[in-house]
Amino acid sequence: MWSRSILAWLSLRLSSQKLMKSLYNLFNKLLMKGVVMLQFIQQIQQDMKFRNLDMVAYEPRVEFQMDQGNYLLKTATTTEELKSAFKLRYDVFYNYDKKDGTRLDMDVYDSVCDHLIIVDKKTNAVVGTYRMNNSSSLQDFYSQSEFDLKSFVLPYANFVELGRACIDKNHRTGVVISLLWKGIYFYMRQTKADLLFGCSSIKNITPKQAALVTKYFEQTGALNTKYKIKPHLSFKVPFFDDYFHAMPAQLSDEEVKQAEDLIPSLLKTYLKVGAEILGEPAYDADMNCMDFLTCLKVENLAQRYEKRLEKVAV
C-alpha cells in the first residue's frame, strides 16, 4: 500500500518537473521570439525615421577621403555610413550598456549637414563622427534651438557649426581625437569658413558644477560675454545665476582641479587651439548634459596648431 503511494507520488513529481521544464523551455523560446520581434519592429521604425528625415536621398555638400594609418577619415556618402554614424551616436549619447545595434540618433538637421566619420579599416566600423553644418547651405542650425544667437552669427559671412561629436569608447585615444581635428581643419579650408562654433557638452553634471566650470572659464580667460548670449528660457540651467554669483572671486587650486576634471578632452582641445566659451551654458534635459556654446575664429587659431594640422590636411 505504502509502496504504491510512494511510486504514485514520485511519478507525479517527475511529471510535474517535466511539465515545468517544458513550460520553461517554451517560455524561453517565446521570450527570444519576442526579443527578435521587438528588434525587427525597432528596425522598421528606425528605417521609417531615416526616410522621413529625407536621409535616403542624402548627398554631402563637401566630399573628401584621407587614408590615415589604421583609419580612414572621410565625409559620409552612403546610407550604410550614415546609419553607422547614427548608431554610434545613439550608443554613446544614450546608453552603451543597452545598445542593440538598431537604434539611430537622428534629427531634422542631419539631412542638411555633412558628417565627418572615422572608419576603422580592420573592422570597417565607424568609430568616430562629427556633424558639420556650413552656412552656405544651411537654413537653420542646432545651436539656435538652445541659444539666442541673433547678435552673434549675423556679422559672419561664412561659418561652420560643429556638433554631435562622439568616439567609440574603445577608440578614445589622442590619435582619433587628432583625426577629428584634421577633418575639421580640412573642412574649414574647403568651405573657406572664418568661424567655427557649436555646443560642447558635459554630461551628468549638476548646476553647481556647471557654474564652477563657467567660473573656471572666466578665470582662465576663455569666457567671452561680449555678445551677451543667453540660453532660451526652456534651456536655462536651474539656479545657475545663484550658484555662479556665489563662487569666490578666485578659485582655489582644489576648485580649479575639480573644474578641469569635469571638462571633456575634446573641449580642452578646443580651448588649446584658441576657442572661447560664449557665456553661460544651456541645459539639454533630453540628453542630461550642459551645453557650452563654443566659438573658434579662424584668425585666432593658434599658429602652431594650424601649421601642424595643415601638414596633414593639405
C-alpha atoms as a PDB file:
ATOM      1  CA  MET A   1       0.000   0.000   0.000  1.00  0.00           C
ATOM      2  CA  TRP A   2       2.668   2.436   1.066  1.00  0.00           C
ATOM      3  CA  SER A   3       4.928   1.459  -1.842  1.00  0.00           C
ATOM      4  CA  ARG A   4       2.159   2.169  -4.336  1.00  0.00           C
ATOM      5  CA  SER A   5       1.566   5.589  -2.788  1.00  0.00           C
ATOM      6  CA  ILE A   6       5.268   6.421  -2.923  1.00  0.00           C
ATOM      7  CA  LEU A   7       5.502   5.310  -6.554  1.00  0.00           C
ATOM      8  CA  ALA A   8       2.440   7.360  -7.441  1.00  0.00           C
ATOM      9  CA  TRP A   9       3.903  10.408  -5.678  1.00  0.00           C
ATOM     10  CA  LEU A  10       7.263  10.008  -7.466  1.00  0.00           C
ATOM     11  CA  SER A  11       5.518   9.597 -10.811  1.00  0.00           C
ATOM     12  CA  LEU A  12       3.501  12.751 -10.199  1.00  0.00           C
ATOM     13  CA  ARG A  13       6.630  14.582  -9.068  1.00  0.00           C
ATOM     14  CA  LEU A  14       8.586  13.602 -12.175  1.00  0.00           C
ATOM     15  CA  SER A  15       5.663  14.518 -14.397  1.00  0.00           C
ATOM     16  CA  SER A  16       5.482  17.941 -12.719  1.00  0.00           C
ATOM     17  CA  GLN A  17       9.220  18.505 -13.213  1.00  0.00           C
ATOM     18  CA  LYS A  18       8.964  17.555 -16.878  1.00  0.00           C
ATOM     19  CA  LEU A  19       5.980  19.852 -17.240  1.00  0.00           C
ATOM     20  CA  MET A  20       7.831  22.731 -15.559  1.00  0.00           C
ATOM     21  CA  LYS A  21      10.877  22.133 -17.743  1.00  0.00           C
ATOM     22  CA  SER A  22       8.721  22.073 -20.863  1.00  0.00           C
ATOM     23  CA  LEU A  23       6.968  25.272 -19.810  1.00  0.00           C
ATOM     24  CA  TYR A  24      10.329  26.889 -19.020  1.00  0.00           C
ATOM     25  CA  ASN A  25      11.715  25.963 -22.451  1.00  0.00           C
ATOM     26  CA  LEU A  26       8.552  27.198 -24.131  1.00  0.00           C
ATOM     27  CA  PHE A  27       8.719  30.479 -22.222  1.00  0.00           C
ATOM     28  CA  ASN A  28      12.355  30.982 -23.259  1.00  0.00           C
ATOM     29  CA  LYS A  29      11.516  30.331 -26.889  1.00  0.00           C
ATOM     30  CA  LEU A  30       8.622  32.784 -26.750  1.00  0.00           C
ATOM     31  CA  LEU A  31      10.827  35.322 -24.990  1.00  0.00           C
ATOM     32  CA  MET A  32      13.546  35.006 -27.623  1.00  0.00           C
ATOM     33  CA  LYS A  33      10.957  35.330 -30.370  1.00  0.00           C
ATOM     34  CA  GLY A  34       9.610  38.400 -28.584  1.00  0.00           C
ATOM     35  CA  VAL A  35      13.082  39.983 -28.446  1.00  0.00           C
ATOM     36  CA  VAL A  36      13.664  39.242 -32.119  1.00  0.00           C
ATOM     37  CA  MET A  37      10.240  40.656 -32.982  1.00  0.00           C
ATOM     38  CA  LEU A  38      10.910  43.788 -30.905  1.00  0.00           C
ATOM     39  CA  GLN A  39      14.237  44.339 -32.661  1.00  0.00           C
ATOM     40  CA  PHE A  40      12.523  43.810 -36.013  1.00  0.00           C
ATOM     41  CA  ILE A  41       9.874  46.415 -35.145  1.00  0.00           C
ATOM     42  CA  GLN A  42      12.554  48.844 -33.929  1.00  0.00           C
ATOM     43  CA  GLN A  43      14.472  48.330 -37.167  1.00  0.00           C
ATOM     44  CA  ILE A  44      11.362  49.181 -39.189  1.00  0.00           C
ATOM     45  CA  GLN A  45      10.743  52.267 -37.032  1.00  0.00           C
ATOM     46  CA  GLN A  46      14.326  53.472 -37.487  1.00  0.00           C
ATOM     47  CA  ASP A  47      14.178  52.901 -41.249  1.00  0.00           C
ATOM     48  CA  MET A  48      10.936  54.889 -41.423  1.00  0.00           C
ATOM     49  CA  LYS A  49      12.503  57.696 -39.396  1.00  0.00           C
ATOM     50  CA  PHE A  50      15.530  57.644 -41.707  1.00  0.00           C
ATOM     51  CA  ARG A  51      13.227  58.085 -44.697  1.00  0.00           C
ATOM     52  CA  ASN A  52      11.011  60.691 -43.034  1.00  0.00           C
ATOM     53  CA  LEU A  53      14.069  62.849 -42.322  1.00  0.00           C
ATOM     54  CA  ASP A  54      14.977  62.824 -46.041  1.00  0.00           C
ATOM     55  CA  MET A  55      18.160  60.838 -45.451  1.00  0.00           C
ATOM     56  CA  VAL A  56      17.589  58.351 -48.307  1.00  0.00           C
ATOM     57  CA  ALA A  57      18.378  60.979 -50.960  1.00  0.00           C
ATOM     58  CA  TYR A  58      21.227  62.447 -48.890  1.00  0.00           C
ATOM     59  CA  GLU A  59      24.270  63.885 -50.666  1.00  0.00           C
ATOM     60  CA  PRO A  60      27.243  65.505 -48.900  1.00  0.00           C
ATOM     61  CA  ARG A  61      27.934  69.189 -49.571  1.00  0.00           C
ATOM     62  CA  VAL A  62      31.664  68.616 -49.199  1.00  0.00           C
ATOM     63  CA  GLU A  63      33.220  65.280 -50.091  1.00  0.00           C
ATOM     64  CA  PHE A  64      36.725  64.099 -49.204  1.00  0.00           C
ATOM     65  CA  GLN A  65      38.592  60.993 -48.084  1.00  0.00           C
ATOM     66  CA  MET A  66      42.023  60.578 -46.463  1.00  0.00           C
ATOM     67  CA  ASP A  67      43.884  57.401 -45.574  1.00  0.00           C
ATOM     68  CA  GLN A  68      45.341  57.779 -42.066  1.00  0.00           C
ATOM     69  CA  GLY A  69      47.184  54.622 -40.977  1.00  0.00           C
ATOM     70  CA  ASN A  70      44.699  52.242 -39.348  1.00  0.00           C
ATOM     71  CA  TYR A  71      41.840  54.641 -40.049  1.00  0.00           C
ATOM     72  CA  LEU A  72      40.009  56.233 -42.934  1.00  0.00           C
ATOM     73  CA  LEU A  73      38.967  59.874 -42.493  1.00  0.00           C
ATOM     74  CA  LYS A  74      36.130  60.981 -44.769  1.00  0.00           C
ATOM     75  CA  THR A  75      32.719  62.529 -45.109  1.00  0.00           C
ATOM     76  CA  ALA A  76      29.860  60.019 -45.111  1.00  0.00           C
ATOM     77  CA  THR A  77      28.483  59.397 -48.594  1.00  0.00           C
ATOM     78  CA  THR A  78      26.403  56.206 -48.363  1.00  0.00           C
ATOM     79  CA  THR A  79      23.311  55.114 -46.463  1.00  0.00           C
ATOM     80  CA  GLU A  80      25.374  52.459 -44.669  1.00  0.00           C
ATOM     81  CA  GLU A  81      27.934  55.031 -43.491  1.00  0.00           C
ATOM     82  CA  LEU A  82      25.236  57.417 -42.288  1.00  0.00           C
ATOM     83  CA  LYS A  83      23.390  54.708 -40.369  1.00  0.00           C
ATOM     84  CA  SER A  84      26.649  53.513 -38.794  1.00  0.00           C
ATOM     85  CA  ALA A  85      27.404  57.063 -37.646  1.00  0.00           C
ATOM     86  CA  PHE A  86      23.882  57.499 -36.249  1.00  0.00           C
ATOM     87  CA  LYS A  87      24.096  54.149 -34.426  1.00  0.00           C
ATOM     88  CA  LEU A  88      27.372  55.211 -32.845  1.00  0.00           C
ATOM     89  CA  ARG A  89      25.797  58.487 -31.760  1.00  0.00           C
ATOM     90  CA  TYR A  90      22.877  56.674 -30.136  1.00  0.00           C
ATOM     91  CA  ASP A  91      25.141  54.237 -28.298  1.00  0.00           C
ATOM     92  CA  VAL A  92      27.430  56.994 -26.992  1.00  0.00           C
ATOM     93  CA  PHE A  93      24.834  59.639 -26.164  1.00  0.00           C
ATOM     94  CA  TYR A  94      22.228  57.443 -24.538  1.00  0.00           C
ATOM     95  CA  ASN A  95      23.434  54.164 -23.105  1.00  0.00           C
ATOM     96  CA  TYR A  96      26.352  51.996 -24.143  1.00  0.00           C
ATOM     97  CA  ASP A  97      25.237  49.138 -21.901  1.00  0.00           C
ATOM     98  CA  LYS A  98      21.816  48.942 -23.546  1.00  0.00           C
ATOM     99  CA  LYS A  99      22.861  49.339 -27.170  1.00  0.00           C
ATOM    100  CA  ASP A 100      21.132  46.904 -29.503  1.00  0.00           C
ATOM    101  CA  GLY A 101      22.635  47.876 -32.843  1.00  0.00           C
ATOM    102  CA  THR A 102      19.339  49.077 -34.320  1.00  0.00           C
ATOM    103  CA  ARG A 103      18.569  52.472 -32.814  1.00  0.00           C
ATOM    104  CA  LEU A 104      19.727  55.648 -34.514  1.00  0.00           C
ATOM    105  CA  ASP A 105      20.284  59.152 -33.169  1.00  0.00           C
ATOM    106  CA  MET A 106      18.843  61.465 -35.829  1.00  0.00           C
ATOM    107  CA  ASP A 107      17.153  64.841 -36.048  1.00  0.00           C
ATOM    108  CA  VAL A 108      15.935  67.315 -38.664  1.00  0.00           C
ATOM    109  CA  TYR A 109      19.385  68.895 -39.040  1.00  0.00           C
ATOM    110  CA  ASP A 110      21.142  65.752 -40.277  1.00  0.00           C
ATOM    111  CA  SER A 111      19.841  65.951 -43.845  1.00  0.00           C
ATOM    112  CA  VAL A 112      21.407  69.404 -44.403  1.00  0.00           C
ATOM    113  CA  CYS A 113      24.725  68.659 -42.699  1.00  0.00           C
ATOM    114  CA  ASP A 114      27.945  66.957 -43.708  1.00  0.00           C
ATOM    115  CA  HIS A 115      29.006  64.065 -41.494  1.00  0.00           C
ATOM    116  CA  LEU A 116      32.695  63.549 -40.814  1.00  0.00           C
ATOM    117  CA  ILE A 117      33.431  59.912 -39.972  1.00  0.00           C
ATOM    118  CA  ILE A 118      36.458  57.894 -38.894  1.00  0.00           C
ATOM    119  CA  VAL A 119      36.414  54.290 -40.095  1.00  0.00           C
ATOM    120  CA  ASP A 120      38.494  51.523 -38.519  1.00  0.00           C
ATOM    121  CA  LYS A 121      39.973  49.820 -41.581  1.00  0.00           C
ATOM    122  CA  LYS A 122      40.285  46.456 -39.805  1.00  0.00           C
ATOM    123  CA  THR A 123      36.597  46.173 -38.904  1.00  0.00           C
ATOM    124  CA  ASN A 124      35.101  48.712 -41.333  1.00  0.00           C
ATOM    125  CA  ALA A 125      33.214  50.156 -38.337  1.00  0.00           C
ATOM    126  CA  VAL A 126      32.571  53.871 -37.835  1.00  0.00           C
ATOM    127  CA  VAL A 127      34.420  54.690 -34.593  1.00  0.00           C
ATOM    128  CA  GLY A 128      34.163  58.471 -34.619  1.00  0.00           C
ATOM    129  CA  THR A 129      31.872  61.082 -36.117  1.00  0.00           C
ATOM    130  CA  TYR A 130      31.229  64.823 -36.223  1.00  0.00           C
ATOM    131  CA  ARG A 131      28.324  66.742 -37.725  1.00  0.00           C
ATOM    132  CA  MET A 132      29.208  69.885 -39.689  1.00  0.00           C
ATOM    133  CA  ASN A 133      26.733  72.489 -40.896  1.00  0.00           C
ATOM    134  CA  ASN A 134      28.009  75.050 -43.383  1.00  0.00           C
ATOM    135  CA  SER A 135      26.326  78.446 -43.681  1.00  0.00           C
ATOM    136  CA  SER A 136      26.397  78.300 -47.492  1.00  0.00           C
ATOM    137  CA  SER A 137      23.764  75.542 -47.446  1.00  0.00           C
ATOM    138  CA  LEU A 138      22.014  75.652 -44.070  1.00  0.00           C
ATOM    139  CA  GLN A 139      18.582  77.110 -43.461  1.00  0.00           C
ATOM    140  CA  ASP A 140      18.677  76.591 -39.711  1.00  0.00           C
ATOM    141  CA  PHE A 141      21.123  75.218 -37.170  1.00  0.00           C
ATOM    142  CA  TYR A 142      21.054  73.286 -33.926  1.00  0.00           C
ATOM    143  CA  SER A 143      22.689  75.793 -31.545  1.00  0.00           C
ATOM    144  CA  GLN A 144      19.974  78.313 -32.341  1.00  0.00           C
ATOM    145  CA  SER A 145      17.412  75.985 -30.775  1.00  0.00           C
ATOM    146  CA  GLU A 146      19.160  76.348 -27.390  1.00  0.00           C
ATOM    147  CA  PHE A 147      20.659  79.860 -27.548  1.00  0.00           C
ATOM    148  CA  ASP A 148      19.592  83.276 -28.839  1.00  0.00           C
ATOM    149  CA  LEU A 149      22.306  83.925 -31.447  1.00  0.00           C
ATOM    150  CA  LYS A 150      20.922  86.909 -33.362  1.00  0.00           C
ATOM    151  CA  SER A 151      23.707  89.232 -32.214  1.00  0.00           C
ATOM    152  CA  PHE A 152      26.417  86.667 -32.855  1.00  0.00           C
ATOM    153  CA  VAL A 153      26.272  84.845 -36.184  1.00  0.00           C
ATOM    154  CA  LEU A 154      24.897  87.585 -38.437  1.00  0.00           C
ATOM    155  CA  PRO A 155      28.196  89.513 -38.791  1.00  0.00           C
ATOM    156  CA  TYR A 156      29.941  86.427 -40.172  1.00  0.00           C
ATOM    157  CA  ALA A 157      29.589  85.671 -43.873  1.00  0.00           C
ATOM    158  CA  ASN A 158      30.824  82.100 -43.744  1.00  0.00           C
ATOM    159  CA  PHE A 159      30.746  79.840 -40.725  1.00  0.00           C
ATOM    160  CA  VAL A 160      30.530  76.168 -39.799  1.00  0.00           C
ATOM    161  CA  GLU A 161      28.501  74.775 -36.920  1.00  0.00           C
ATOM    162  CA  LEU A 162      30.046  71.706 -35.302  1.00  0.00           C
ATOM    163  CA  GLY A 163      28.088  69.208 -33.245  1.00  0.00           C
ATOM    164  CA  ARG A 164      27.210  65.632 -32.323  1.00  0.00           C
ATOM    165  CA  ALA A 165      30.861  64.712 -31.781  1.00  0.00           C
ATOM    166  CA  CYS A 166      31.423  61.222 -30.437  1.00  0.00           C
ATOM    167  CA  ILE A 167      34.034  58.467 -30.392  1.00  0.00           C
ATOM    168  CA  ASP A 168      33.594  54.756 -29.712  1.00  0.00           C
ATOM    169  CA  LYS A 169      34.760  54.046 -26.159  1.00  0.00           C
ATOM    170  CA  ASN A 170      37.352  51.546 -27.433  1.00  0.00           C
ATOM    171  CA  HIS A 171      38.955  54.171 -29.687  1.00  0.00           C
ATOM    172  CA  ARG A 172      39.125  57.209 -27.399  1.00  0.00           C
ATOM    173  CA  THR A 173      42.781  57.931 -27.968  1.00  0.00           C
ATOM    174  CA  GLY A 174      44.791  61.007 -28.839  1.00  0.00           C
ATOM    175  CA  VAL A 175      45.165  59.640 -32.363  1.00  0.00           C
ATOM    176  CA  VAL A 176      41.420  59.543 -33.038  1.00  0.00           C
ATOM    177  CA  ILE A 177      40.821  62.969 -31.464  1.00  0.00           C
ATOM    178  CA  SER A 178      43.595  64.359 -33.679  1.00  0.00           C
ATOM    179  CA  LEU A 179      41.948  62.776 -36.709  1.00  0.00           C
ATOM    180  CA  LEU A 180      38.681  64.541 -35.898  1.00  0.00           C
ATOM    181  CA  TRP A 181      40.570  67.814 -35.767  1.00  0.00           C
ATOM    182  CA  LYS A 182      42.286  67.097 -39.065  1.00  0.00           C
ATOM    183  CA  GLY A 183      38.897  66.513 -40.630  1.00  0.00           C
ATOM    184  CA  ILE A 184      37.510  69.720 -39.137  1.00  0.00           C
ATOM    185  CA  TYR A 185      40.506  71.699 -40.362  1.00  0.00           C
ATOM    186  CA  PHE A 186      40.264  70.292 -43.873  1.00  0.00           C
ATOM    187  CA  TYR A 187      36.523  71.020 -43.971  1.00  0.00           C
ATOM    188  CA  MET A 188      37.183  74.558 -42.754  1.00  0.00           C
ATOM    189  CA  ARG A 189      39.689  75.095 -45.556  1.00  0.00           C
ATOM    190  CA  GLN A 190      37.374  73.605 -48.188  1.00  0.00           C
ATOM    191  CA  THR A 191      34.461  75.846 -47.195  1.00  0.00           C
ATOM    192  CA  LYS A 192      36.642  78.915 -46.516  1.00  0.00           C
ATOM    193  CA  ALA A 193      34.955  79.327 -43.142  1.00  0.00           C
ATOM    194  CA  ASP A 194      36.074  82.180 -40.915  1.00  0.00           C
ATOM    195  CA  LEU A 195      34.231  80.944 -37.835  1.00  0.00           C
ATOM    196  CA  LEU A 196      33.615  77.576 -36.184  1.00  0.00           C
ATOM    197  CA  PHE A 197      31.063  77.248 -33.416  1.00  0.00           C
ATOM    198  CA  GLY A 198      28.813  74.732 -31.725  1.00  0.00           C
ATOM    199  CA  CYS A 199      27.647  73.195 -28.463  1.00  0.00           C
ATOM    200  CA  SER A 200      30.273  71.435 -26.351  1.00  0.00           C
ATOM    201  CA  SER A 201      28.515  69.064 -23.979  1.00  0.00           C
ATOM    202  CA  ILE A 202      29.419  67.969 -20.466  1.00  0.00           C
ATOM    203  CA  LYS A 203      27.216  65.081 -19.376  1.00  0.00           C
ATOM    204  CA  ASN A 204      25.875  64.212 -15.944  1.00  0.00           C
ATOM    205  CA  ILE A 205      26.934  67.319 -14.037  1.00  0.00           C
ATOM    206  CA  THR A 206      24.920  69.394 -11.593  1.00  0.00           C
ATOM    207  CA  PRO A 207      24.001  73.087 -11.953  1.00  0.00           C
ATOM    208  CA  LYS A 208      26.563  73.888  -9.251  1.00  0.00           C
ATOM    209  CA  GLN A 209      29.270  72.046 -11.185  1.00  0.00           C
ATOM    210  CA  ALA A 210      28.219  73.875 -14.361  1.00  0.00           C
ATOM    211  CA  ALA A 211      28.682  77.172 -12.510  1.00  0.00           C
ATOM    212  CA  LEU A 212      32.104  76.020 -11.280  1.00  0.00           C
ATOM    213  CA  VAL A 213      33.236  75.165 -14.814  1.00  0.00           C
ATOM    214  CA  THR A 214      31.935  78.518 -16.112  1.00  0.00           C
ATOM    215  CA  LYS A 215      33.840  80.331 -13.360  1.00  0.00           C
ATOM    216  CA  TYR A 216      36.937  78.381 -14.366  1.00  0.00           C
ATOM    217  CA  PHE A 217      36.499  79.557 -17.963  1.00  0.00           C
ATOM    218  CA  GLU A 218      36.177  83.131 -16.714  1.00  0.00           C
ATOM    219  CA  GLN A 219      39.291  82.819 -14.561  1.00  0.00           C
ATOM    220  CA  THR A 220      41.382  81.373 -17.396  1.00  0.00           C
ATOM    221  CA  GLY A 221      40.258  83.999 -19.914  1.00  0.00           C
ATOM    222  CA  ALA A 222      38.248  81.563 -22.048  1.00  0.00           C
ATOM    223  CA  LEU A 223      34.843  83.116 -21.247  1.00  0.00           C
ATOM    224  CA  ASN A 224      33.631  85.795 -23.679  1.00  0.00           C
ATOM    225  CA  THR A 225      30.495  87.674 -22.587  1.00  0.00           C
ATOM    226  CA  LYS A 226      30.758  90.393 -25.254  1.00  0.00           C
ATOM    227  CA  TYR A 227      27.761  89.122 -27.224  1.00  0.00           C
ATOM    228  CA  LYS A 228      25.570  88.698 -24.124  1.00  0.00           C
ATOM    229  CA  ILE A 229      24.374  85.319 -25.383  1.00  0.00           C
ATOM    230  CA  LYS A 230      21.823  83.585 -23.179  1.00  0.00           C
ATOM    231  CA  PRO A 231      20.103  80.219 -23.446  1.00  0.00           C
ATOM    232  CA  HIS A 232      16.408  80.236 -24.236  1.00  0.00           C
ATOM    233  CA  LEU A 233      14.267  80.111 -21.109  1.00  0.00           C
ATOM    234  CA  SER A 234      13.367  76.441 -21.615  1.00  0.00           C
ATOM    235  CA  PHE A 235      17.099  75.577 -21.675  1.00  0.00           C
ATOM    236  CA  LYS A 236      18.096  77.716 -18.691  1.00  0.00           C
ATOM    237  CA  VAL A 237      20.209  75.846 -16.122  1.00  0.00           C
ATOM    238  CA  PRO A 238      18.221  75.770 -12.837  1.00  0.00           C
ATOM    239  CA  PHE A 239      19.636  78.156 -10.194  1.00  0.00           C
ATOM    240  CA  PHE A 240      22.703  78.837 -12.372  1.00  0.00           C
ATOM    241  CA  ASP A 241      22.873  82.558 -11.525  1.00  0.00           C
ATOM    242  CA  ASP A 242      22.704  81.843  -7.789  1.00  0.00           C
ATOM    243  CA  TYR A 243      25.480  79.260  -7.944  1.00  0.00           C
ATOM    244  CA  PHE A 244      27.674  81.363 -10.242  1.00  0.00           C
ATOM    245  CA  HIS A 245      27.444  84.549  -8.171  1.00  0.00           C
ATOM    246  CA  ALA A 246      28.189  82.539  -5.023  1.00  0.00           C
ATOM    247  CA  MET A 247      31.525  81.423  -6.488  1.00  0.00           C
ATOM    248  CA  PRO A 248      34.642  83.027  -4.996  1.00  0.00           C
ATOM    249  CA  ALA A 249      36.370  85.764  -6.986  1.00  0.00           C
ATOM    250  CA  GLN A 250      39.346  83.451  -7.360  1.00  0.00           C
ATOM    251  CA  LEU A 251      39.003  79.665  -7.419  1.00  0.00           C
ATOM    252  CA  SER A 252      41.269  77.670  -5.139  1.00  0.00           C
ATOM    253  CA  ASP A 253      43.727  75.137  -6.543  1.00  0.00           C
ATOM    254  CA  GLU A 254      41.365  72.358  -5.467  1.00  0.00           C
ATOM    255  CA  GLU A 255      38.395  74.011  -7.223  1.00  0.00           C
ATOM    256  CA  VAL A 256      40.473  74.518 -10.363  1.00  0.00           C
ATOM    257  CA  LYS A 257      41.330  70.818 -10.386  1.00  0.00           C
ATOM    258  CA  GLN A 258      37.668  69.890  -9.844  1.00  0.00           C
ATOM    259  CA  ALA A 259      36.670  72.039 -12.822  1.00  0.00           C
ATOM    260  CA  GLU A 260      39.412  70.649 -15.062  1.00  0.00           C
ATOM    261  CA  ASP A 261      38.408  67.083 -14.203  1.00  0.00           C
ATOM    262  CA  LEU A 262      34.859  67.808 -15.412  1.00  0.00           C
ATOM    263  CA  ILE A 263      35.904  69.182 -18.813  1.00  0.00           C
ATOM    264  CA  PRO A 264      35.981  66.559 -21.606  1.00  0.00           C
ATOM    265  CA  SER A 265      39.150  66.070 -23.655  1.00  0.00           C
ATOM    266  CA  LEU A 266      37.585  67.424 -26.842  1.00  0.00           C
ATOM    267  CA  LEU A 267      36.557  70.690 -25.171  1.00  0.00           C
ATOM    268  CA  LYS A 268      40.043  71.018 -23.669  1.00  0.00           C
ATOM    269  CA  THR A 269      41.427  70.661 -27.186  1.00  0.00           C
ATOM    270  CA  TYR A 270      39.125  73.436 -28.424  1.00  0.00           C
ATOM    271  CA  LEU A 271      40.456  75.753 -25.741  1.00  0.00           C
ATOM    272  CA  LYS A 272      44.067  74.878 -26.569  1.00  0.00           C
ATOM    273  CA  VAL A 273      43.605  75.978 -30.175  1.00  0.00           C
ATOM    274  CA  GLY A 274      42.129  79.332 -29.171  1.00  0.00           C
ATOM    275  CA  ALA A 275      38.398  78.695 -28.748  1.00  0.00           C
ATOM    276  CA  GLU A 276      36.178  80.774 -26.465  1.00  0.00           C
ATOM    277  CA  ILE A 277      33.095  79.974 -24.389  1.00  0.00           C
ATOM    278  CA  LEU A 278      30.274  82.406 -25.139  1.00  0.00           C
ATOM    279  CA  GLY A 279      28.505  82.880 -21.833  1.00  0.00           C
ATOM    280  CA  GLU A 280      26.562  80.555 -19.564  1.00  0.00           C
ATOM    281  CA  PRO A 281      25.618  77.009 -20.595  1.00  0.00           C
ATOM    282  CA  ALA A 282      22.254  75.610 -21.651  1.00  0.00           C
ATOM    283  CA  TYR A 283      20.711  72.508 -20.101  1.00  0.00           C
ATOM    284  CA  ASP A 284      19.634  69.772 -22.510  1.00  0.00           C
ATOM    285  CA  ALA A 285      17.215  67.686 -20.450  1.00  0.00           C
ATOM    286  CA  ASP A 286      16.775  65.033 -23.149  1.00  0.00           C
ATOM    287  CA  MET A 287      20.464  64.165 -23.101  1.00  0.00           C
ATOM    288  CA  ASN A 288      21.112  65.193 -19.485  1.00  0.00           C
ATOM    289  CA  CYS A 289      24.024  67.454 -20.344  1.00  0.00           C
ATOM    290  CA  MET A 290      25.177  71.040 -20.054  1.00  0.00           C
ATOM    291  CA  ASP A 291      25.905  72.614 -23.447  1.00  0.00           C
ATOM    292  CA  PHE A 292      28.571  75.318 -23.592  1.00  0.00           C
ATOM    293  CA  LEU A 293      28.437  77.446 -26.745  1.00  0.00           C
ATOM    294  CA  THR A 294      31.977  77.275 -28.087  1.00  0.00           C
ATOM    295  CA  CYS A 295      33.441  79.541 -30.767  1.00  0.00           C
ATOM    296  CA  LEU A 296      36.717  79.478 -32.687  1.00  0.00           C
ATOM    297  CA  LYS A 297      37.571  82.309 -35.055  1.00  0.00           C
ATOM    298  CA  VAL A 298      39.972  81.201 -37.741  1.00  0.00           C
ATOM    299  CA  GLU A 299      42.018  84.356 -37.227  1.00  0.00           C
ATOM    300  CA  ASN A 300      42.532  83.326 -33.599  1.00  0.00           C
ATOM    301  CA  LEU A 301      43.602  79.766 -34.387  1.00  0.00           C
ATOM    302  CA  ALA A 302      46.841  79.163 -32.506  1.00  0.00           C
ATOM    303  CA  GLN A 303      49.605  79.303 -35.114  1.00  0.00           C
ATOM    304  CA  ARG A 304      51.456  76.180 -34.010  1.00  0.00           C
ATOM    305  CA  TYR A 305      48.308  74.050 -34.250  1.00  0.00           C
ATOM    306  CA  GLU A 306      47.360  75.455 -37.649  1.00  0.00           C
ATOM    307  CA  LYS A 307      50.744  74.507 -39.097  1.00  0.00           C
ATOM    308  CA  ARG A 308      50.597  71.061 -37.531  1.00  0.00           C
ATOM    309  CA  LEU A 309      47.141  70.352 -38.961  1.00  0.00           C
ATOM    310  CA  GLU A 310      47.928  71.889 -42.335  1.00  0.00           C
ATOM    311  CA  LYS A 311      50.708  69.369 -42.941  1.00  0.00           C
ATOM    312  CA  VAL A 312      48.179  66.565 -42.696  1.00  0.00           C
ATOM    313  CA  ALA A 313      45.150  68.185 -44.277  1.00  0.00           C
ATOM    314  CA  VAL A 314      46.641  69.706 -47.413  1.00  0.00           C
END
